[in-house]
């Protein structure tokens, strides 16, 4: 049994805390709001984020970061990417021993183009952690909290540390694979949210499954192009954290990115949508970062560019989707061939 601190009591943080509790670990769940922590402790529910789900009584929630991390071996960061730097800075002030840091947040920081693990390493001195591990894959919190079968991937610079996190989480319902490709695992998890916005927009416009399948397929090509340019293994994007996560996020009403895109496609403006959602939509921030990054890396990403125009330049969703579906023709295998050629020449 391990002592584990889970930082972030949203839907995904709570679901992961439940997996850890099911495995017999001592789990402390941190919320940035005291009243939220009190509600979880009193009712053993988290109605705003996981309606109707019963949380194990062994999970203790708190707003006191110091008490939550005191004496733990593992810290699992599940906060929105925009809050990651602030939480890490606060964490440095209360950590009392070396830990394994795992994050399950999916995004890229605008302007700096940093992946979440890079943000963590910038803010927390390496004397405080054995390594930083990413947990990612096709996983709706709602289904995980109901103990429905789910498979994810963990990755770290040191694969032996990733295996420790694999052992921490794995159980009959929550299967965990390892990957040596930290960059690819993080980028796949972040970039698929952009494509999910596009799939939701297409559905909101009333277009059918044919159009959505095309967006998903071409979206995967975009993800692989940018990922490879940043040093990822292109094969990673054919796995759980690539096409697996892309499928589940682009096709399910559980996906907040798909739901946000769906509302945009129905004619709502961005501020309206974000207010209605009541939860962080990571794809919005990641779109800005990926758009900037594609220009910086000179990587063609037409879907990302189109979503950026809708979100930040007031473009009409129907015009953008129509333009994407009627782009200049090219050979379907061209992207894959170019990516594999680049890998062979490295």
Protein backbone atom coordinates (compact mmCIF):
# COMPACT_ATOMS: atom_id res chain seq x y z
CA UNK A 1 0.00 0.00 0.00
CA UNK A 2 1.26 3.48 -0.92
CA UNK A 3 0.34 6.94 0.31
CA UNK A 4 -0.79 8.92 -2.73
CA UNK A 5 -1.80 12.56 -3.16
CA UNK A 6 -4.10 13.36 -6.08
CA UNK A 7 -4.12 17.09 -6.82
CA UNK A 8 -7.28 18.15 -8.61
CA UNK A 9 -10.79 17.05 -7.61
CA UNK A 10 -12.49 17.43 -10.97
CA UNK A 11 -13.95 14.47 -12.83
CA UNK A 12 -10.65 12.94 -13.94
CA UNK A 13 -8.81 13.54 -10.66
CA UNK A 14 -11.67 11.99 -8.70
CA UNK A 15 -11.90 8.99 -11.04
CA UNK A 16 -8.16 8.32 -10.75
CA UNK A 17 -8.38 8.67 -6.96
CA UNK A 18 -11.09 5.97 -7.05
CA UNK A 19 -8.83 3.64 -9.06
CA UNK A 20 -6.08 4.11 -6.48
CA UNK A 21 -8.48 3.56 -3.58
CA UNK A 22 -9.76 0.37 -5.21
CA UNK A 23 -6.13 -0.82 -5.25
CA UNK A 24 -5.89 -0.37 -1.49
CA UNK A 25 -3.75 2.77 -1.43
CA UNK A 26 -4.17 5.59 1.08
CA UNK A 27 -5.54 8.37 -1.11
CA UNK A 28 -5.68 12.06 -0.31
CA UNK A 29 -7.58 14.25 -2.77
CA UNK A 30 -6.78 17.96 -2.98
CA UNK A 31 -9.32 20.56 -4.09
CA UNK A 32 -8.58 24.26 -4.38
CA UNK A 33 -11.94 24.99 -2.72
CA UNK A 34 -12.58 24.04 0.92
CA UNK A 35 -16.34 23.74 0.42
CA UNK A 36 -15.75 21.25 -2.39
CA UNK A 37 -13.51 19.11 -0.19
CA UNK A 38 -16.08 19.28 2.63
CA UNK A 39 -18.83 18.11 0.26
CA UNK A 40 -16.78 15.11 -0.85
CA UNK A 41 -15.95 14.12 2.73
CA UNK A 42 -19.52 14.54 3.98
CA UNK A 43 -21.45 12.93 1.10
CA UNK A 44 -18.80 10.79 -0.62
CA UNK A 45 -20.00 12.25 -3.88
CA UNK A 46 -18.73 14.83 -6.37
CA UNK A 47 -22.02 15.80 -7.98
CA UNK A 48 -20.76 18.66 -10.14
CA UNK A 49 -18.20 16.51 -11.91
CA UNK A 50 -19.37 12.89 -11.50
CA UNK A 51 -23.10 12.98 -10.97
CA UNK A 52 -24.53 10.00 -9.10
CA UNK A 53 -21.17 8.29 -8.50
CA UNK A 54 -20.38 6.98 -5.01
CA UNK A 55 -16.82 7.78 -3.94
CA UNK A 56 -15.04 5.30 -1.63
CA UNK A 57 -15.11 6.48 1.98
CA UNK A 58 -11.39 5.79 2.25
CA UNK A 59 -10.64 8.83 0.06
CA UNK A 60 -10.10 11.94 2.16
CA UNK A 61 -10.40 15.35 0.49
CA UNK A 62 -8.75 18.53 1.72
CA UNK A 63 -7.99 22.09 0.71
CA UNK A 64 -4.73 22.03 2.72
CA UNK A 65 -1.98 21.21 0.21
CA UNK A 66 0.63 20.71 2.91
CA UNK A 67 -1.33 18.03 4.76
CA UNK A 68 -2.30 16.31 1.51
CA UNK A 69 1.30 15.79 0.33
CA UNK A 70 2.92 15.17 3.72
CA UNK A 71 4.71 11.80 3.74
CA UNK A 72 3.39 10.60 0.37
CA UNK A 73 5.47 8.62 -2.14
CA UNK A 74 3.38 9.52 -5.19
CA UNK A 75 1.84 12.83 -6.26
CA UNK A 76 -0.63 12.70 -9.16
CA UNK A 77 -1.26 16.09 -10.79
CA UNK A 78 -4.68 16.37 -12.45
CA UNK A 79 -5.21 20.13 -12.60
CA UNK A 80 -6.01 22.21 -15.71
CA UNK A 81 -2.89 23.02 -17.70
CA UNK A 82 -3.40 26.77 -17.17
CA UNK A 83 -3.09 26.19 -13.40
CA UNK A 84 -0.14 23.79 -13.57
CA UNK A 85 2.64 26.33 -13.00
CA UNK A 86 0.89 27.92 -10.02
CA UNK A 87 0.14 24.56 -8.39
CA UNK A 88 3.74 23.39 -8.92
CA UNK A 89 5.09 26.58 -7.32
CA UNK A 90 2.84 26.01 -4.31
CA UNK A 91 3.88 22.37 -4.21
CA UNK A 92 7.59 23.19 -3.91
CA UNK A 93 6.87 25.04 -0.66
CA UNK A 94 5.26 22.02 1.03
CA UNK A 95 7.05 18.94 -0.32
CA UNK A 96 8.98 17.12 2.40
CA UNK A 97 10.60 14.20 0.54
CA UNK A 98 11.43 12.84 -2.90
CA UNK A 99 8.36 11.55 -4.75
CA UNK A 100 7.30 10.19 -8.10
CA UNK A 101 5.33 12.86 -9.94
CA UNK A 102 2.63 11.70 -12.35
CA UNK A 103 0.47 14.05 -14.38
CA UNK A 104 -2.74 13.24 -16.23
CA UNK A 105 -3.37 16.69 -17.76
CA UNK A 106 -3.56 17.10 -21.53
CA UNK A 107 -2.39 20.33 -23.09
CA UNK A 108 0.40 22.52 -24.45
CA UNK A 109 1.28 25.91 -22.98
CA UNK A 110 0.75 28.80 -25.43
CA UNK A 111 3.74 31.06 -26.15
CA UNK A 112 6.29 28.67 -24.57
CA UNK A 113 5.08 25.57 -26.51
CA UNK A 114 5.93 23.50 -23.41
CA UNK A 115 4.43 20.10 -22.77
CA UNK A 116 3.03 19.56 -19.27
CA UNK A 117 6.01 17.49 -18.11
CA UNK A 118 8.32 20.30 -19.22
CA UNK A 119 6.29 22.85 -17.26
CA UNK A 120 6.49 20.66 -14.15
CA UNK A 121 10.26 20.21 -14.50
CA UNK A 122 10.74 23.96 -14.88
CA UNK A 123 8.85 24.73 -11.69
CA UNK A 124 9.89 21.85 -9.39
CA UNK A 125 13.62 21.24 -8.74
CA UNK A 126 14.69 17.70 -9.65
CA UNK A 127 15.81 16.99 -6.07
CA UNK A 128 12.10 16.69 -5.20
CA UNK A 129 11.19 13.92 -7.63
CA UNK A 130 12.46 10.61 -8.94
CA UNK A 131 10.96 11.32 -12.38
CA UNK A 132 7.91 12.86 -14.06
CA UNK A 133 5.48 10.35 -15.55
CA UNK A 134 2.58 11.05 -17.90
CA UNK A 135 -0.65 9.01 -17.80
CA UNK A 136 -2.75 9.30 -20.94
CA UNK A 137 -5.09 7.36 -23.22
CA UNK A 138 -8.73 6.85 -24.22
CA UNK A 139 -10.42 7.30 -20.87
CA UNK A 140 -13.64 9.07 -19.95
CA UNK A 141 -13.72 9.81 -16.24
CA UNK A 142 -17.41 8.91 -16.13
CA UNK A 143 -16.70 5.36 -17.31
CA UNK A 144 -13.61 4.92 -15.11
CA UNK A 145 -15.62 5.96 -12.04
CA UNK A 146 -18.18 3.26 -12.90
CA UNK A 147 -15.32 0.75 -13.13
CA UNK A 148 -15.92 0.07 -16.79
CA UNK A 149 -12.95 -1.45 -18.70
CA UNK A 150 -10.38 1.20 -19.59
CA UNK A 151 -6.83 1.03 -20.97
CA UNK A 152 -4.25 3.80 -20.70
CA UNK A 153 -0.52 4.33 -21.16
CA UNK A 154 2.17 5.70 -18.84
CA UNK A 155 5.50 7.07 -20.02
CA UNK A 156 8.60 8.62 -18.49
CA UNK A 157 12.23 9.30 -19.35
CA UNK A 158 13.09 6.42 -17.01
CA UNK A 159 10.91 3.48 -18.04
CA UNK A 160 11.49 1.79 -14.66
CA UNK A 161 9.76 4.70 -12.94
CA UNK A 162 6.89 4.45 -15.43
CA UNK A 163 6.58 0.78 -14.45
CA UNK A 164 6.20 1.79 -10.80
CA UNK A 165 3.25 3.99 -11.78
CA UNK A 166 1.90 1.15 -13.91
CA UNK A 167 1.92 -1.06 -10.81
CA UNK A 168 0.31 1.70 -8.74
CA UNK A 169 -2.74 2.04 -11.00
CA UNK A 170 -3.26 -1.26 -12.77
CA UNK A 171 -6.19 -3.45 -11.78
CA UNK A 172 -8.82 -5.64 -13.39
CA UNK A 173 -10.80 -2.71 -14.83
CA UNK A 174 -8.00 -0.20 -15.34
CA UNK A 175 -5.30 -1.66 -17.56
CA UNK A 176 -2.02 0.22 -17.93
CA UNK A 177 0.62 -0.09 -20.66
CA UNK A 178 4.05 1.57 -20.70
CA UNK A 179 5.70 3.54 -23.51
CA UNK A 180 9.22 4.97 -23.85
CA UNK A 181 7.94 7.87 -26.01
CA UNK A 182 7.14 10.60 -23.49
CA UNK A 183 6.92 13.30 -26.17
CA UNK A 184 4.53 11.32 -28.37
CA UNK A 185 2.30 10.26 -25.48
CA UNK A 186 1.92 13.85 -24.26
CA UNK A 187 1.40 15.37 -27.69
CA UNK A 188 -1.17 12.76 -28.73
CA UNK A 189 -3.20 13.44 -25.60
CA UNK A 190 -3.05 17.20 -26.06
CA UNK A 191 -3.57 17.58 -29.80
CA UNK A 192 -6.53 15.21 -30.10
CA UNK A 193 -8.61 17.78 -28.19
CA UNK A 194 -8.31 20.16 -31.15
CA UNK A 195 -9.63 17.55 -33.54
CA UNK A 196 -12.43 16.74 -31.08
CA UNK A 197 -13.52 20.38 -31.24
CA UNK A 198 -13.61 20.03 -35.02
CA UNK A 199 -15.62 16.80 -34.86
CA UNK A 200 -18.10 18.45 -32.51
CA UNK A 201 -18.41 21.46 -34.81
CA UNK A 202 -19.10 19.17 -37.76
CA UNK A 203 -21.81 17.36 -35.80
CA UNK A 204 -23.27 20.64 -34.59
CA UNK A 205 -23.57 21.79 -38.20
CA UNK A 206 -25.58 18.66 -38.93
CA UNK A 207 -22.96 16.99 -41.09
CA UNK A 208 -22.87 13.21 -40.91
CA UNK A 209 -20.45 10.50 -39.87
CA UNK A 210 -18.70 10.61 -43.25
CA UNK A 211 -17.49 14.16 -42.68
CA UNK A 212 -16.50 13.41 -39.10
CA UNK A 213 -14.53 10.34 -40.13
CA UNK A 214 -12.62 12.43 -42.65
CA UNK A 215 -11.81 15.07 -40.02
CA UNK A 216 -10.64 12.42 -37.55
CA UNK A 217 -8.45 10.68 -40.14
CA UNK A 218 -6.87 13.86 -41.47
CA UNK A 219 -6.58 15.12 -37.90
CA UNK A 220 -4.46 12.11 -37.03
CA UNK A 221 -2.16 12.98 -39.93
CA UNK A 222 -1.77 16.52 -38.53
CA UNK A 223 -0.97 15.21 -35.06
CA UNK A 224 1.65 12.84 -36.46
CA UNK A 225 3.25 15.58 -38.59
CA UNK A 226 3.69 17.95 -35.67
CA UNK A 227 4.61 15.18 -33.25
CA UNK A 228 7.32 13.82 -35.53
CA UNK A 229 8.73 17.31 -36.06
CA UNK A 230 9.04 17.57 -32.27
CA UNK A 231 10.86 14.27 -31.91
CA UNK A 232 8.04 11.80 -31.25
CA UNK A 233 7.93 8.30 -32.68
CA UNK A 234 5.22 8.30 -35.39
CA UNK A 235 4.15 4.80 -34.35
CA UNK A 236 2.99 6.20 -31.00
CA UNK A 237 0.13 7.95 -32.79
CA UNK A 238 -1.24 4.62 -34.02
CA UNK A 239 -1.62 3.45 -30.41
CA UNK A 240 -3.76 4.18 -27.37
CA UNK A 241 -2.54 7.73 -26.83
CA UNK A 242 -2.91 8.58 -30.52
CA UNK A 243 -5.76 7.12 -32.52
CA UNK A 244 -7.30 5.48 -29.43
CA UNK A 245 -7.68 8.75 -27.57
CA UNK A 246 -8.67 10.53 -30.77
CA UNK A 247 -11.57 8.14 -31.45
CA UNK A 248 -13.01 8.27 -27.95
CA UNK A 249 -12.74 12.07 -27.71
CA UNK A 250 -14.20 12.77 -31.15
CA UNK A 251 -17.18 10.44 -30.95
CA UNK A 252 -18.60 10.63 -27.44
CA UNK A 253 -20.89 13.07 -25.66
CA UNK A 254 -18.76 12.43 -22.54
CA UNK A 255 -16.03 14.50 -24.23
CA UNK A 256 -16.22 18.13 -23.13
CA UNK A 257 -14.19 19.16 -26.21
CA UNK A 258 -16.69 17.44 -28.52
CA UNK A 259 -19.58 19.03 -26.58
CA UNK A 260 -18.00 22.48 -26.82
CA UNK A 261 -17.44 22.05 -30.56
CA UNK A 262 -21.01 20.84 -30.98
CA UNK A 263 -22.31 24.04 -29.37
CA UNK A 264 -20.04 26.15 -31.58
CA UNK A 265 -21.39 24.36 -34.64
CA UNK A 266 -24.92 25.19 -33.51
CA UNK A 267 -24.10 28.90 -33.57
CA UNK A 268 -23.07 29.71 -29.99
CA UNK A 269 -20.06 31.98 -29.52
CA UNK A 270 -16.99 30.84 -27.59
CA UNK A 271 -17.61 32.79 -24.38
CA UNK A 272 -21.17 31.51 -24.27
CA UNK A 273 -20.02 27.94 -24.76
CA UNK A 274 -17.35 28.07 -22.06
CA UNK A 275 -19.83 29.56 -19.61
CA UNK A 276 -22.38 26.82 -20.38
CA UNK A 277 -19.78 24.07 -20.01
CA UNK A 278 -18.81 25.04 -16.46
CA UNK A 279 -15.61 22.98 -16.83
CA UNK A 280 -12.24 23.54 -18.48
CA UNK A 281 -12.17 22.82 -22.22
CA UNK A 282 -8.48 22.10 -22.76
CA UNK A 283 -8.78 22.05 -26.54
CA UNK A 284 -9.37 25.81 -26.70
CA UNK A 285 -6.05 26.70 -25.09
CA UNK A 286 -4.24 23.90 -26.90
CA UNK A 287 -5.54 25.15 -30.27
CA UNK A 288 -3.82 28.48 -29.67
CA UNK A 289 -0.58 26.75 -28.66
CA UNK A 290 -0.61 24.25 -31.54
CA UNK A 291 -1.41 26.96 -34.09
CA UNK A 292 1.57 28.99 -32.88
CA UNK A 293 3.73 25.88 -32.76
CA UNK A 294 2.83 24.79 -36.30
CA UNK A 295 4.00 28.18 -37.59
CA UNK A 296 7.18 27.93 -35.53
CA UNK A 297 7.90 24.40 -36.78
CA UNK A 298 6.72 25.13 -40.33
CA UNK A 299 4.29 22.20 -40.14
CA UNK A 300 1.08 22.22 -42.18
CA UNK A 301 -1.98 21.82 -39.91
CA UNK A 302 -5.09 22.95 -41.84
CA UNK A 303 -7.64 21.59 -39.33
CA UNK A 304 -5.87 23.25 -36.41
CA UNK A 305 -5.66 26.48 -38.40
CA UNK A 306 -9.38 26.29 -39.20
CA UNK A 307 -10.35 25.68 -35.57
CA UNK A 308 -8.11 28.59 -34.55
CA UNK A 309 -9.94 30.87 -37.01
CA UNK A 310 -13.30 29.83 -35.52
CA UNK A 311 -12.21 30.26 -31.90
CA UNK A 312 -10.10 33.40 -32.10
CA UNK A 313 -10.84 35.18 -35.37
CA UNK A 314 -14.62 34.91 -35.61
CA UNK A 315 -14.67 32.69 -38.71
CA UNK A 316 -17.95 31.03 -39.62
CA UNK A 317 -17.83 27.32 -38.65
CA UNK A 318 -19.68 26.19 -41.76
CA UNK A 319 -17.30 28.05 -44.06
CA UNK A 320 -14.27 26.58 -42.30
CA UNK A 321 -15.54 22.98 -42.37
CA UNK A 322 -16.59 23.32 -46.01
CA UNK A 323 -13.11 24.64 -46.91
CA UNK A 324 -11.46 21.76 -45.06
CA UNK A 325 -13.59 19.21 -46.91
CA UNK A 326 -12.79 20.71 -50.33
CA UNK A 327 -9.04 21.34 -49.96
CA UNK A 328 -6.69 20.70 -52.87
CA UNK A 329 -6.47 16.99 -53.60
CA UNK A 330 -3.38 15.01 -52.70
CA UNK A 331 -2.34 11.39 -52.37
CA UNK A 332 -3.62 9.87 -49.12
CA UNK A 333 -0.36 8.04 -48.37
CA UNK A 334 1.78 11.15 -48.88
CA UNK A 335 1.77 12.18 -45.21
CA UNK A 336 2.63 8.71 -43.91
CA UNK A 337 5.39 8.26 -46.50
CA UNK A 338 6.95 11.63 -45.65
CA UNK A 339 6.84 10.93 -41.92
CA UNK A 340 8.44 7.49 -42.29
CA UNK A 341 11.09 8.89 -44.66
CA UNK A 342 12.00 11.52 -42.07
CA UNK A 343 12.35 8.84 -39.39
CA UNK A 344 14.56 6.68 -41.61
CA UNK A 345 16.84 9.63 -42.38
CA UNK A 346 17.33 10.68 -38.75
